[in-house]
Amino acid sequence: MCELHFGVPMAGAILCTLNIRLDSAMVAFLLRHSEAKIIFVDYQFLHIAQGAFQILSKAGTKLPQLILIQEPEQQAPISSETNFTPTKDLEYDNFLAMGKADFEIRRPKDEWEPISLNYTSGTTSSPKGVVYSHRGAYLNSLATVLSSEMGSMPVYLWTVPMFHCNGWCLAWGMAAQGGTNICLRKVTAKGIFSNIALHTVTHMGGAPTVLNMDVKCSC
């Protein structure tokens, strides 16, 4: 996800991060509404994407290309009920290997062009789309760095998901400060404290529930 925050805009495309807690029906709705052409799927959530593809196929909607992100030695379960089969050509590392070293970055012609499309949770109705411009993301990235009192070369522990408001724009902000990103596959108190000690973390952010979890564990 952190890499895609840079690769997608550099390709002249718009990043649309999806909440990992959504079900297949909601993912199908968002893929259709956003008109996404490519979807990057972590192996743990492949079954959600498969279900969304089934729904889109029945509705006659053109399916986006799927790029599967796998962990070493992890095999993603492939359902025989879907009408697609991820192959090595569609695995993330092989997809990156297809890139060209002399690729020319496609910079926005106007700073107000969109860089990302985010959706609300949809707890009371269908999700609403919110568009970030390149200008807005740039300003918020620097503002977040300043408000967090980050100096140069910070070490940031991610407990805020990057699908949530693009991680408060800190993926871009950390790059501006030459920082190091420490990412967790699963947020637990043990994982937080272990990584703080292991990587000498200087900054982290989290929802009140995450901070309460840490307090209870430390006590």
N, C-alpha and C. Protein backbone atom coordinates (compact mmCIF):
# COMPACT_ATOMS: atom_id res chain seq x y z
N MET A 1 0.83 -1.20 0.00
CA MET A 1 0.00 0.00 0.00
C MET A 1 0.86 1.25 0.00
N CYS A 2 1.93 1.23 0.76
CA CYS A 2 2.82 2.39 0.81
C CYS A 2 3.44 2.64 -0.56
N GLU A 3 3.88 1.59 -1.24
CA GLU A 3 4.45 1.72 -2.57
C GLU A 3 3.43 2.27 -3.56
N LEU A 4 2.19 1.82 -3.44
CA LEU A 4 1.14 2.25 -4.37
C LEU A 4 0.78 3.72 -4.20
N HIS A 5 1.03 4.27 -3.01
CA HIS A 5 0.77 5.70 -2.80
C HIS A 5 1.67 6.56 -3.68
N PHE A 6 2.77 5.97 -4.16
CA PHE A 6 3.67 6.71 -5.04
C PHE A 6 3.57 6.21 -6.48
N GLY A 7 3.51 4.90 -6.66
CA GLY A 7 3.47 4.33 -8.00
C GLY A 7 2.24 4.71 -8.79
N VAL A 8 1.09 4.72 -8.14
CA VAL A 8 -0.16 5.03 -8.85
C VAL A 8 -0.18 6.48 -9.35
N PRO A 9 0.10 7.48 -8.49
CA PRO A 9 0.13 8.86 -9.00
C PRO A 9 1.22 9.07 -10.06
N MET A 10 2.37 8.40 -9.90
CA MET A 10 3.45 8.55 -10.87
C MET A 10 3.04 8.02 -12.24
N ALA A 11 2.09 7.09 -12.27
CA ALA A 11 1.59 6.55 -13.53
C ALA A 11 0.47 7.40 -14.11
N GLY A 12 0.14 8.50 -13.41
CA GLY A 12 -0.93 9.36 -13.88
C GLY A 12 -2.31 8.84 -13.54
N ALA A 13 -2.38 7.88 -12.62
CA ALA A 13 -3.66 7.28 -12.25
C ALA A 13 -4.13 7.82 -10.90
N ILE A 14 -5.32 7.41 -10.49
CA ILE A 14 -5.92 7.85 -9.24
C ILE A 14 -5.97 6.67 -8.28
N LEU A 15 -5.48 6.87 -7.07
CA LEU A 15 -5.45 5.82 -6.06
C LEU A 15 -6.79 5.76 -5.33
N CYS A 16 -7.32 4.56 -5.19
CA CYS A 16 -8.58 4.37 -4.47
C CYS A 16 -8.39 3.23 -3.47
N THR A 17 -8.16 3.57 -2.20
CA THR A 17 -7.91 2.56 -1.19
C THR A 17 -9.24 2.07 -0.61
N LEU A 18 -9.38 0.75 -0.47
CA LEU A 18 -10.62 0.17 0.02
C LEU A 18 -10.43 -0.40 1.42
N ASN A 19 -11.42 -0.20 2.24
CA ASN A 19 -11.42 -0.70 3.61
C ASN A 19 -11.39 -2.23 3.60
N ILE A 20 -10.44 -2.82 4.31
CA ILE A 20 -10.29 -4.28 4.31
C ILE A 20 -11.42 -4.97 5.05
N ARG A 21 -12.26 -4.21 5.76
CA ARG A 21 -13.35 -4.82 6.52
C ARG A 21 -14.65 -4.91 5.70
N LEU A 22 -14.63 -4.43 4.46
CA LEU A 22 -15.83 -4.47 3.63
C LEU A 22 -16.08 -5.89 3.11
N ASP A 23 -17.36 -6.19 2.87
CA ASP A 23 -17.69 -7.51 2.30
C ASP A 23 -17.67 -7.42 0.78
N SER A 24 -17.91 -8.55 0.13
CA SER A 24 -17.83 -8.62 -1.33
C SER A 24 -18.84 -7.71 -2.01
N ALA A 25 -20.05 -7.64 -1.45
CA ALA A 25 -21.09 -6.80 -2.05
C ALA A 25 -20.68 -5.33 -2.07
N MET A 26 -20.10 -4.87 -0.97
CA MET A 26 -19.69 -3.47 -0.89
C MET A 26 -18.49 -3.20 -1.80
N VAL A 27 -17.56 -4.15 -1.85
CA VAL A 27 -16.40 -3.99 -2.72
C VAL A 27 -16.86 -3.94 -4.18
N ALA A 28 -17.82 -4.77 -4.54
CA ALA A 28 -18.36 -4.74 -5.90
C ALA A 28 -18.98 -3.39 -6.21
N PHE A 29 -19.72 -2.84 -5.26
CA PHE A 29 -20.35 -1.53 -5.44
C PHE A 29 -19.29 -0.46 -5.68
N LEU A 30 -18.21 -0.49 -4.90
CA LEU A 30 -17.18 0.53 -5.01
C LEU A 30 -16.36 0.37 -6.30
N LEU A 31 -16.11 -0.86 -6.70
CA LEU A 31 -15.39 -1.07 -7.96
C LEU A 31 -16.21 -0.56 -9.14
N ARG A 32 -17.51 -0.79 -9.07
CA ARG A 32 -18.39 -0.32 -10.15
C ARG A 32 -18.49 1.20 -10.15
N HIS A 33 -18.64 1.78 -8.96
CA HIS A 33 -18.82 3.22 -8.85
C HIS A 33 -17.54 3.97 -9.24
N SER A 34 -16.39 3.46 -8.81
CA SER A 34 -15.12 4.12 -9.09
C SER A 34 -14.61 3.87 -10.50
N GLU A 35 -15.18 2.85 -11.15
CA GLU A 35 -14.74 2.45 -12.49
C GLU A 35 -13.25 2.07 -12.48
N ALA A 36 -12.85 1.39 -11.43
CA ALA A 36 -11.45 0.97 -11.28
C ALA A 36 -11.04 0.04 -12.41
N LYS A 37 -9.83 0.23 -12.91
CA LYS A 37 -9.31 -0.60 -13.98
C LYS A 37 -8.38 -1.70 -13.46
N ILE A 38 -7.77 -1.47 -12.30
CA ILE A 38 -6.87 -2.44 -11.69
C ILE A 38 -7.18 -2.52 -10.20
N ILE A 39 -7.17 -3.72 -9.64
CA ILE A 39 -7.33 -3.88 -8.20
C ILE A 39 -6.18 -4.72 -7.67
N PHE A 40 -5.49 -4.18 -6.67
CA PHE A 40 -4.41 -4.90 -6.00
C PHE A 40 -5.00 -5.55 -4.75
N VAL A 41 -4.81 -6.86 -4.63
CA VAL A 41 -5.46 -7.62 -3.56
C VAL A 41 -4.43 -8.40 -2.75
N ASP A 42 -4.42 -8.17 -1.46
CA ASP A 42 -3.59 -8.97 -0.56
C ASP A 42 -4.18 -10.37 -0.49
N TYR A 43 -3.29 -11.36 -0.39
CA TYR A 43 -3.74 -12.75 -0.43
C TYR A 43 -4.78 -13.07 0.64
N GLN A 44 -4.73 -12.38 1.78
CA GLN A 44 -5.68 -12.65 2.85
C GLN A 44 -7.11 -12.25 2.49
N PHE A 45 -7.25 -11.36 1.51
CA PHE A 45 -8.57 -10.85 1.15
C PHE A 45 -8.98 -11.25 -0.26
N LEU A 46 -8.31 -12.26 -0.80
CA LEU A 46 -8.63 -12.69 -2.16
C LEU A 46 -10.06 -13.19 -2.27
N HIS A 47 -10.55 -13.87 -1.22
CA HIS A 47 -11.91 -14.40 -1.27
C HIS A 47 -12.94 -13.27 -1.34
N ILE A 48 -12.64 -12.12 -0.75
CA ILE A 48 -13.53 -10.97 -0.83
C ILE A 48 -13.58 -10.46 -2.28
N ALA A 49 -12.40 -10.37 -2.90
CA ALA A 49 -12.34 -9.90 -4.29
C ALA A 49 -13.02 -10.90 -5.22
N GLN A 50 -12.84 -12.18 -4.96
CA GLN A 50 -13.50 -13.19 -5.78
C GLN A 50 -15.01 -13.04 -5.72
N GLY A 51 -15.53 -12.84 -4.52
CA GLY A 51 -16.97 -12.65 -4.37
C GLY A 51 -17.45 -11.41 -5.09
N ALA A 52 -16.66 -10.32 -5.03
CA ALA A 52 -17.02 -9.09 -5.72
C ALA A 52 -17.02 -9.29 -7.23
N PHE A 53 -16.06 -10.05 -7.72
CA PHE A 53 -15.99 -10.32 -9.15
C PHE A 53 -17.19 -11.13 -9.62
N GLN A 54 -17.63 -12.05 -8.78
CA GLN A 54 -18.83 -12.83 -9.13
C GLN A 54 -20.03 -11.92 -9.28
N ILE A 55 -20.19 -11.00 -8.35
CA ILE A 55 -21.32 -10.07 -8.39
C ILE A 55 -21.25 -9.19 -9.63
N LEU A 56 -20.06 -8.68 -9.94
CA LEU A 56 -19.90 -7.82 -11.11
C LEU A 56 -20.13 -8.59 -12.40
N SER A 57 -19.68 -9.84 -12.43
CA SER A 57 -19.86 -10.66 -13.64
C SER A 57 -21.34 -10.91 -13.92
N LYS A 58 -22.10 -11.19 -12.88
CA LYS A 58 -23.54 -11.44 -13.05
C LYS A 58 -24.26 -10.19 -13.53
N ALA A 59 -23.72 -9.02 -13.17
CA ALA A 59 -24.34 -7.76 -13.59
C ALA A 59 -23.83 -7.30 -14.95
N GLY A 60 -22.92 -8.06 -15.53
CA GLY A 60 -22.40 -7.71 -16.85
C GLY A 60 -21.39 -6.57 -16.82
N THR A 61 -20.81 -6.30 -15.65
CA THR A 61 -19.84 -5.22 -15.50
C THR A 61 -18.44 -5.72 -15.86
N LYS A 62 -17.70 -4.90 -16.60
CA LYS A 62 -16.34 -5.27 -16.97
C LYS A 62 -15.48 -5.35 -15.72
N LEU A 63 -14.73 -6.43 -15.60
CA LEU A 63 -13.92 -6.66 -14.41
C LEU A 63 -12.58 -5.95 -14.51
N PRO A 64 -12.11 -5.39 -13.40
CA PRO A 64 -10.76 -4.81 -13.40
C PRO A 64 -9.72 -5.91 -13.41
N GLN A 65 -8.51 -5.56 -13.81
CA GLN A 65 -7.42 -6.52 -13.77
C GLN A 65 -7.00 -6.72 -12.32
N LEU A 66 -6.80 -7.97 -11.92
CA LEU A 66 -6.44 -8.27 -10.55
C LEU A 66 -4.94 -8.52 -10.44
N ILE A 67 -4.30 -7.82 -9.51
CA ILE A 67 -2.89 -8.05 -9.19
C ILE A 67 -2.83 -8.61 -7.78
N LEU A 68 -2.34 -9.82 -7.64
CA LEU A 68 -2.33 -10.50 -6.35
C LEU A 68 -1.03 -10.26 -5.60
N ILE A 69 -1.15 -9.82 -4.35
CA ILE A 69 0.01 -9.58 -3.50
C ILE A 69 0.15 -10.75 -2.54
N GLN A 70 1.22 -11.52 -2.70
CA GLN A 70 1.42 -12.71 -1.87
C GLN A 70 2.63 -12.53 -0.96
N GLU A 71 2.56 -13.13 0.20
CA GLU A 71 3.70 -13.20 1.09
C GLU A 71 4.55 -14.41 0.69
N PRO A 72 5.84 -14.39 0.97
CA PRO A 72 6.67 -15.55 0.65
C PRO A 72 6.10 -16.82 1.29
N GLU A 73 6.05 -17.88 0.49
CA GLU A 73 5.60 -19.20 0.92
C GLU A 73 4.12 -19.24 1.29
N GLN A 74 3.37 -18.19 0.92
CA GLN A 74 1.93 -18.19 1.16
C GLN A 74 1.20 -18.48 -0.14
N GLN A 75 0.27 -19.39 -0.09
CA GLN A 75 -0.52 -19.71 -1.27
C GLN A 75 -1.95 -19.22 -1.08
N ALA A 76 -2.42 -18.40 -1.98
CA ALA A 76 -3.77 -17.86 -1.88
C ALA A 76 -4.77 -18.89 -2.40
N PRO A 77 -5.84 -19.12 -1.68
CA PRO A 77 -6.86 -20.07 -2.14
C PRO A 77 -7.61 -19.53 -3.35
N ILE A 78 -7.66 -20.29 -4.41
CA ILE A 78 -8.33 -19.89 -5.64
C ILE A 78 -9.65 -20.65 -5.75
N SER A 79 -10.74 -19.94 -5.86
CA SER A 79 -12.05 -20.57 -5.95
C SER A 79 -12.35 -21.00 -7.38
N SER A 80 -12.85 -22.20 -7.53
CA SER A 80 -13.20 -22.70 -8.86
C SER A 80 -14.48 -22.06 -9.38
N GLU A 81 -15.19 -21.35 -8.51
CA GLU A 81 -16.45 -20.73 -8.91
C GLU A 81 -16.25 -19.39 -9.60
N THR A 82 -15.06 -18.83 -9.53
CA THR A 82 -14.81 -17.54 -10.17
C THR A 82 -14.38 -17.76 -11.61
N ASN A 83 -14.53 -16.71 -12.42
CA ASN A 83 -14.20 -16.82 -13.83
C ASN A 83 -12.82 -16.23 -14.13
N PHE A 84 -11.95 -16.22 -13.14
CA PHE A 84 -10.58 -15.78 -13.36
C PHE A 84 -9.67 -16.60 -12.48
N THR A 85 -8.42 -16.71 -12.90
CA THR A 85 -7.42 -17.43 -12.12
C THR A 85 -6.15 -16.61 -12.08
N PRO A 86 -5.79 -16.05 -10.92
CA PRO A 86 -4.54 -15.30 -10.83
C PRO A 86 -3.36 -16.19 -11.22
N THR A 87 -2.48 -15.70 -12.05
CA THR A 87 -1.30 -16.44 -12.47
C THR A 87 -0.07 -15.65 -12.05
N LYS A 88 1.10 -16.20 -12.31
CA LYS A 88 2.33 -15.50 -11.94
C LYS A 88 2.44 -14.17 -12.66
N ASP A 89 1.88 -14.09 -13.86
CA ASP A 89 1.93 -12.82 -14.60
C ASP A 89 1.13 -11.73 -13.89
N LEU A 90 0.23 -12.13 -12.99
CA LEU A 90 -0.60 -11.17 -12.29
C LEU A 90 -0.24 -11.07 -10.81
N GLU A 91 0.89 -11.61 -10.44
CA GLU A 91 1.37 -11.45 -9.08
C GLU A 91 2.17 -10.15 -8.99
N TYR A 92 2.13 -9.54 -7.84
CA TYR A 92 2.66 -8.19 -7.67
C TYR A 92 4.12 -8.05 -8.10
N ASP A 93 4.98 -8.95 -7.62
CA ASP A 93 6.40 -8.85 -7.93
C ASP A 93 6.66 -8.99 -9.43
N ASN A 94 5.94 -9.92 -10.07
CA ASN A 94 6.09 -10.10 -11.51
C ASN A 94 5.52 -8.92 -12.28
N PHE A 95 4.46 -8.34 -11.73
CA PHE A 95 3.87 -7.14 -12.34
C PHE A 95 4.89 -5.99 -12.32
N LEU A 96 5.59 -5.82 -11.19
CA LEU A 96 6.61 -4.77 -11.10
C LEU A 96 7.76 -5.03 -12.06
N ALA A 97 8.09 -6.31 -12.24
CA ALA A 97 9.21 -6.66 -13.12
C ALA A 97 8.92 -6.29 -14.58
N MET A 98 7.66 -6.10 -14.91
CA MET A 98 7.29 -5.73 -16.27
C MET A 98 7.52 -4.24 -16.53
N GLY A 99 7.85 -3.47 -15.48
CA GLY A 99 8.04 -2.04 -15.63
C GLY A 99 9.31 -1.70 -16.42
N LYS A 100 9.34 -0.49 -16.93
CA LYS A 100 10.47 -0.02 -17.73
C LYS A 100 11.31 0.96 -16.91
N ALA A 101 12.62 0.77 -16.93
CA ALA A 101 13.52 1.62 -16.16
C ALA A 101 13.49 3.07 -16.63
N ASP A 102 13.19 3.28 -17.91
CA ASP A 102 13.18 4.64 -18.45
C ASP A 102 11.77 5.23 -18.48
N PHE A 103 10.88 4.68 -17.66
CA PHE A 103 9.51 5.19 -17.61
C PHE A 103 9.49 6.66 -17.22
N GLU A 104 8.73 7.45 -17.94
CA GLU A 104 8.63 8.88 -17.66
C GLU A 104 7.44 9.14 -16.75
N ILE A 105 7.71 9.76 -15.61
CA ILE A 105 6.65 10.06 -14.65
C ILE A 105 5.59 10.96 -15.29
N ARG A 106 4.34 10.60 -15.10
CA ARG A 106 3.24 11.40 -15.65
C ARG A 106 2.76 12.38 -14.58
N ARG A 107 3.33 13.54 -14.61
CA ARG A 107 3.00 14.55 -13.60
C ARG A 107 1.67 15.22 -13.93
N PRO A 108 0.93 15.65 -12.92
CA PRO A 108 -0.34 16.33 -13.18
C PRO A 108 -0.13 17.64 -13.92
N LYS A 109 -1.03 17.95 -14.83
CA LYS A 109 -0.95 19.22 -15.55
C LYS A 109 -1.43 20.37 -14.68
N ASP A 110 -2.24 20.03 -13.68
CA ASP A 110 -2.79 21.03 -12.79
C ASP A 110 -2.78 20.48 -11.37
N GLU A 111 -2.41 21.31 -10.37
CA GLU A 111 -2.31 20.82 -9.01
C GLU A 111 -3.66 20.43 -8.41
N TRP A 112 -4.74 20.84 -9.07
CA TRP A 112 -6.07 20.50 -8.57
C TRP A 112 -6.59 19.17 -9.14
N GLU A 113 -5.78 18.51 -9.96
CA GLU A 113 -6.19 17.20 -10.47
C GLU A 113 -6.24 16.20 -9.32
N PRO A 114 -7.11 15.20 -9.40
CA PRO A 114 -7.24 14.24 -8.30
C PRO A 114 -6.04 13.32 -8.17
N ILE A 115 -5.67 13.03 -6.93
CA ILE A 115 -4.62 12.06 -6.66
C ILE A 115 -5.19 10.80 -6.03
N SER A 116 -6.32 10.95 -5.31
CA SER A 116 -6.92 9.78 -4.67
C SER A 116 -8.43 9.95 -4.54
N LEU A 117 -9.09 8.83 -4.48
CA LEU A 117 -10.53 8.76 -4.25
C LEU A 117 -10.77 7.88 -3.04
N ASN A 118 -11.36 8.44 -2.00
CA ASN A 118 -11.64 7.69 -0.78
C ASN A 118 -13.15 7.60 -0.58
N TYR A 119 -13.58 6.57 0.11
CA TYR A 119 -15.00 6.40 0.37
C TYR A 119 -15.29 6.40 1.86
N THR A 120 -16.43 6.96 2.21
CA THR A 120 -16.88 6.91 3.60
C THR A 120 -17.26 5.48 3.95
N SER A 121 -17.51 5.22 5.21
CA SER A 121 -17.76 3.85 5.67
C SER A 121 -19.07 3.28 5.16
N GLY A 122 -20.04 4.13 4.87
CA GLY A 122 -21.32 3.64 4.39
C GLY A 122 -22.14 2.97 5.47
N THR A 123 -21.98 3.40 6.72
CA THR A 123 -22.70 2.76 7.83
C THR A 123 -24.19 3.08 7.80
N THR A 124 -24.58 4.22 7.24
CA THR A 124 -26.00 4.59 7.21
C THR A 124 -26.59 4.54 5.81
N SER A 125 -25.76 4.48 4.78
CA SER A 125 -26.23 4.40 3.40
C SER A 125 -25.06 3.96 2.54
N SER A 126 -25.21 4.05 1.24
CA SER A 126 -24.10 3.70 0.36
C SER A 126 -22.95 4.67 0.60
N PRO A 127 -21.70 4.18 0.50
CA PRO A 127 -20.55 5.06 0.74
C PRO A 127 -20.53 6.25 -0.21
N LYS A 128 -19.98 7.34 0.26
CA LYS A 128 -19.83 8.55 -0.55
C LYS A 128 -18.36 8.72 -0.90
N GLY A 129 -18.08 9.11 -2.13
CA GLY A 129 -16.71 9.29 -2.57
C GLY A 129 -16.18 10.67 -2.24
N VAL A 130 -14.94 10.72 -1.77
CA VAL A 130 -14.27 11.98 -1.45
C VAL A 130 -12.97 12.04 -2.26
N VAL A 131 -12.78 13.12 -2.99
CA VAL A 131 -11.62 13.25 -3.87
C VAL A 131 -10.57 14.16 -3.24
N TYR A 132 -9.32 13.67 -3.21
CA TYR A 132 -8.18 14.50 -2.80
C TYR A 132 -7.50 15.02 -4.06
N SER A 133 -7.15 16.28 -4.07
CA SER A 133 -6.34 16.83 -5.16
C SER A 133 -4.87 16.70 -4.81
N HIS A 134 -4.00 16.82 -5.81
CA HIS A 134 -2.56 16.80 -5.55
C HIS A 134 -2.19 17.92 -4.59
N ARG A 135 -2.78 19.09 -4.77
CA ARG A 135 -2.49 20.22 -3.90
C ARG A 135 -2.91 19.94 -2.47
N GLY A 136 -4.13 19.42 -2.31
CA GLY A 136 -4.64 19.13 -0.97
C GLY A 136 -3.81 18.08 -0.25
N ALA A 137 -3.43 17.03 -0.98
CA ALA A 137 -2.63 15.96 -0.38
C ALA A 137 -1.25 16.49 0.02
N TYR A 138 -0.67 17.33 -0.81
CA TYR A 138 0.64 17.92 -0.52
C TYR A 138 0.59 18.77 0.74
N LEU A 139 -0.40 19.65 0.81
CA LEU A 139 -0.51 20.54 1.96
C LEU A 139 -0.80 19.76 3.25
N ASN A 140 -1.68 18.76 3.16
CA ASN A 140 -2.01 17.99 4.35
C ASN A 140 -0.84 17.11 4.80
N SER A 141 -0.06 16.63 3.84
CA SER A 141 1.12 15.83 4.19
C SER A 141 2.08 16.64 5.04
N LEU A 142 2.37 17.85 4.60
CA LEU A 142 3.29 18.71 5.35
C LEU A 142 2.68 19.16 6.67
N ALA A 143 1.38 19.45 6.65
CA ALA A 143 0.71 19.89 7.88
C ALA A 143 0.73 18.79 8.93
N THR A 144 0.52 17.55 8.51
CA THR A 144 0.53 16.42 9.44
C THR A 144 1.92 16.21 10.03
N VAL A 145 2.94 16.35 9.19
CA VAL A 145 4.31 16.22 9.67
C VAL A 145 4.62 17.31 10.70
N LEU A 146 4.19 18.53 10.41
CA LEU A 146 4.46 19.64 11.33
C LEU A 146 3.70 19.48 12.64
N SER A 147 2.42 19.10 12.54
CA SER A 147 1.63 18.96 13.76
C SER A 147 2.10 17.80 14.63
N SER A 148 2.74 16.82 13.99
CA SER A 148 3.28 15.69 14.74
C SER A 148 4.69 15.95 15.23
N GLU A 149 5.20 17.14 14.92
CA GLU A 149 6.55 17.55 15.34
C GLU A 149 7.61 16.54 14.89
N MET A 150 7.52 16.15 13.62
CA MET A 150 8.49 15.22 13.06
C MET A 150 9.69 15.96 12.51
N GLY A 151 10.87 15.58 12.97
CA GLY A 151 12.09 16.12 12.40
C GLY A 151 12.50 15.29 11.20
N SER A 152 13.74 15.39 10.79
CA SER A 152 14.23 14.58 9.68
C SER A 152 14.49 13.15 10.15
N MET A 153 14.34 12.23 9.23
CA MET A 153 14.60 10.80 9.46
C MET A 153 13.78 10.20 10.60
N PRO A 154 12.48 10.46 10.70
CA PRO A 154 11.68 9.84 11.76
C PRO A 154 11.45 8.35 11.46
N VAL A 155 11.09 7.61 12.47
CA VAL A 155 10.70 6.20 12.31
C VAL A 155 9.26 6.09 12.76
N TYR A 156 8.37 5.83 11.81
CA TYR A 156 6.93 5.87 12.09
C TYR A 156 6.34 4.46 12.10
N LEU A 157 5.66 4.13 13.18
CA LEU A 157 4.98 2.85 13.30
C LEU A 157 3.53 3.01 12.87
N TRP A 158 3.15 2.26 11.84
CA TRP A 158 1.80 2.37 11.30
C TRP A 158 0.81 1.52 12.09
N THR A 159 -0.10 2.18 12.79
CA THR A 159 -1.26 1.50 13.37
C THR A 159 -2.53 2.07 12.76
N VAL A 160 -2.39 3.23 12.09
CA VAL A 160 -3.50 3.81 11.34
C VAL A 160 -3.51 3.17 9.95
N PRO A 161 -4.61 2.56 9.54
CA PRO A 161 -4.62 1.92 8.22
C PRO A 161 -4.50 2.94 7.10
N MET A 162 -3.75 2.59 6.06
CA MET A 162 -3.55 3.50 4.94
C MET A 162 -4.80 3.67 4.09
N PHE A 163 -5.81 2.80 4.30
CA PHE A 163 -7.06 3.01 3.58
C PHE A 163 -7.91 4.08 4.26
N HIS A 164 -7.51 4.49 5.46
CA HIS A 164 -8.26 5.50 6.20
C HIS A 164 -7.67 6.88 5.91
N CYS A 165 -8.34 7.63 5.03
CA CYS A 165 -7.87 8.98 4.67
C CYS A 165 -6.41 8.96 4.23
N ASN A 166 -6.04 7.89 3.50
CA ASN A 166 -4.65 7.72 3.05
C ASN A 166 -3.67 7.83 4.21
N GLY A 167 -4.07 7.22 5.34
CA GLY A 167 -3.18 7.22 6.50
C GLY A 167 -2.84 8.61 6.97
N TRP A 168 -3.86 9.50 6.89
CA TRP A 168 -3.67 10.92 7.26
C TRP A 168 -2.61 11.57 6.38
N CYS A 169 -2.40 11.02 5.18
CA CYS A 169 -1.41 11.53 4.22
C CYS A 169 0.03 11.34 4.69
N LEU A 170 0.23 10.49 5.69
CA LEU A 170 1.57 10.33 6.24
C LEU A 170 2.48 9.46 5.37
N ALA A 171 1.91 8.69 4.45
CA ALA A 171 2.77 7.94 3.53
C ALA A 171 3.62 8.93 2.73
N TRP A 172 2.98 10.00 2.29
CA TRP A 172 3.70 11.05 1.55
C TRP A 172 4.53 11.92 2.50
N GLY A 173 3.98 12.22 3.67
CA GLY A 173 4.70 13.04 4.63
C GLY A 173 5.99 12.41 5.11
N MET A 174 5.98 11.11 5.33
CA MET A 174 7.18 10.41 5.77
C MET A 174 8.26 10.47 4.71
N ALA A 175 7.87 10.38 3.45
CA ALA A 175 8.85 10.47 2.36
C ALA A 175 9.48 11.85 2.33
N ALA A 176 8.67 12.87 2.59
CA ALA A 176 9.19 14.25 2.60
C ALA A 176 10.24 14.44 3.68
N GLN A 177 10.12 13.70 4.77
CA GLN A 177 11.06 13.82 5.89
C GLN A 177 12.17 12.77 5.84
N GLY A 178 12.18 11.95 4.79
CA GLY A 178 13.20 10.90 4.71
C GLY A 178 13.03 9.85 5.78
N GLY A 179 11.78 9.58 6.14
CA GLY A 179 11.50 8.69 7.25
C GLY A 179 11.48 7.22 6.90
N THR A 180 11.37 6.39 7.93
CA THR A 180 11.26 4.94 7.79
C THR A 180 9.87 4.50 8.24
N ASN A 181 9.21 3.68 7.42
CA ASN A 181 7.88 3.18 7.74
C ASN A 181 7.97 1.77 8.33
N ILE A 182 7.37 1.56 9.48
CA ILE A 182 7.28 0.24 10.09
C ILE A 182 5.82 -0.19 10.01
N CYS A 183 5.55 -1.23 9.23
CA CYS A 183 4.17 -1.65 8.97
C CYS A 183 3.86 -2.96 9.69
N LEU A 184 2.66 -3.07 10.21
CA LEU A 184 2.19 -4.26 10.90
C LEU A 184 1.11 -4.94 10.07
N ARG A 185 1.21 -6.26 9.93
CA ARG A 185 0.12 -6.97 9.24
C ARG A 185 -1.10 -7.03 10.14
N LYS A 186 -0.88 -7.15 11.44
CA LYS A 186 -1.98 -7.17 12.40
C LYS A 186 -1.60 -6.30 13.59
N VAL A 187 -2.49 -5.39 13.96
CA VAL A 187 -2.21 -4.47 15.07
C VAL A 187 -2.55 -5.13 16.40
N THR A 188 -1.53 -5.42 17.18
CA THR A 188 -1.70 -5.96 18.53
C THR A 188 -0.78 -5.19 19.46
N ALA A 189 -1.12 -5.20 20.75
CA ALA A 189 -0.27 -4.51 21.72
C ALA A 189 1.14 -5.09 21.72
N LYS A 190 1.24 -6.40 21.66
CA LYS A 190 2.56 -7.03 21.65
C LYS A 190 3.36 -6.60 20.43
N GLY A 191 2.69 -6.58 19.27
CA GLY A 191 3.38 -6.17 18.05
C GLY A 191 3.84 -4.73 18.10
N ILE A 192 3.02 -3.87 18.70
CA ILE A 192 3.36 -2.45 18.82
C ILE A 192 4.60 -2.27 19.69
N PHE A 193 4.56 -2.84 20.90
CA PHE A 193 5.68 -2.66 21.82
C PHE A 193 6.96 -3.32 21.30
N SER A 194 6.82 -4.47 20.66
CA SER A 194 7.99 -5.17 20.12
C SER A 194 8.68 -4.35 19.04
N ASN A 195 7.86 -3.77 18.15
CA ASN A 195 8.44 -3.00 17.04
C ASN A 195 8.99 -1.67 17.50
N ILE A 196 8.38 -1.07 18.52
CA ILE A 196 8.94 0.17 19.08
C ILE A 196 10.35 -0.08 19.59
N ALA A 197 10.52 -1.19 20.32
CA ALA A 197 11.83 -1.52 20.87
C ALA A 197 12.81 -1.94 19.78
N LEU A 198 12.34 -2.73 18.82
CA LEU A 198 13.22 -3.28 17.79
C LEU A 198 13.72 -2.21 16.82
N HIS A 199 12.84 -1.30 16.43
CA HIS A 199 13.18 -0.32 15.40
C HIS A 199 13.41 1.09 15.94
N THR A 200 13.38 1.25 17.24
CA THR A 200 13.55 2.57 17.86
C THR A 200 12.58 3.57 17.25
N VAL A 201 11.31 3.24 17.34
CA VAL A 201 10.26 4.07 16.75
C VAL A 201 10.21 5.44 17.44
N THR A 202 10.11 6.48 16.62
CA THR A 202 10.03 7.84 17.16
C THR A 202 8.60 8.38 17.19
N HIS A 203 7.74 7.88 16.27
CA HIS A 203 6.38 8.38 16.19
C HIS A 203 5.43 7.23 15.87
N MET A 204 4.21 7.36 16.32
CA MET A 204 3.14 6.45 15.94
C MET A 204 1.82 7.19 16.15
N GLY A 205 0.80 6.71 15.52
CA GLY A 205 -0.52 7.30 15.71
C GLY A 205 -1.55 6.19 15.75
N GLY A 206 -2.64 6.42 16.43
CA GLY A 206 -3.64 5.36 16.50
C GLY A 206 -4.97 5.88 17.01
N ALA A 207 -5.99 5.14 16.71
CA ALA A 207 -7.32 5.47 17.22
C ALA A 207 -7.35 5.23 18.73
N PRO A 208 -8.31 5.83 19.44
CA PRO A 208 -8.40 5.63 20.90
C PRO A 208 -8.45 4.16 21.31
N THR A 209 -9.10 3.33 20.50
CA THR A 209 -9.17 1.91 20.84
C THR A 209 -7.79 1.27 20.83
N VAL A 210 -6.94 1.69 19.89
CA VAL A 210 -5.59 1.15 19.82
C VAL A 210 -4.77 1.60 21.03
N LEU A 211 -4.89 2.87 21.37
CA LEU A 211 -4.14 3.40 22.52
C LEU A 211 -4.62 2.79 23.83
N ASN A 212 -5.92 2.57 23.96
CA ASN A 212 -6.46 1.92 25.16
C ASN A 212 -5.94 0.50 25.28
N MET A 213 -5.84 -0.18 24.12
CA MET A 213 -5.30 -1.55 24.11
C MET A 213 -3.87 -1.56 24.62
N ASP A 214 -3.09 -0.55 24.22
CA ASP A 214 -1.70 -0.47 24.66
C ASP A 214 -1.61 -0.20 26.16
N VAL A 215 -2.46 0.68 26.65
CA VAL A 215 -2.45 1.03 28.07
C VAL A 215 -2.77 -0.18 28.93
N LYS A 216 -3.80 -0.93 28.52
CA LYS A 216 -4.21 -2.11 29.28
C LYS A 216 -3.12 -3.15 29.29
N CYS A 217 -2.44 -3.27 28.15
CA CYS A 217 -1.36 -4.27 28.07
C CYS A 217 -0.19 -3.86 28.95
N SER A 218 0.17 -2.57 28.93
CA SER A 218 1.32 -2.11 29.71
C SER A 218 1.08 -2.19 31.20
N CYS A 219 -0.23 -2.16 31.58
CA CYS A 219 -0.53 -2.24 33.01
C CYS A 219 -0.47 -3.67 33.50
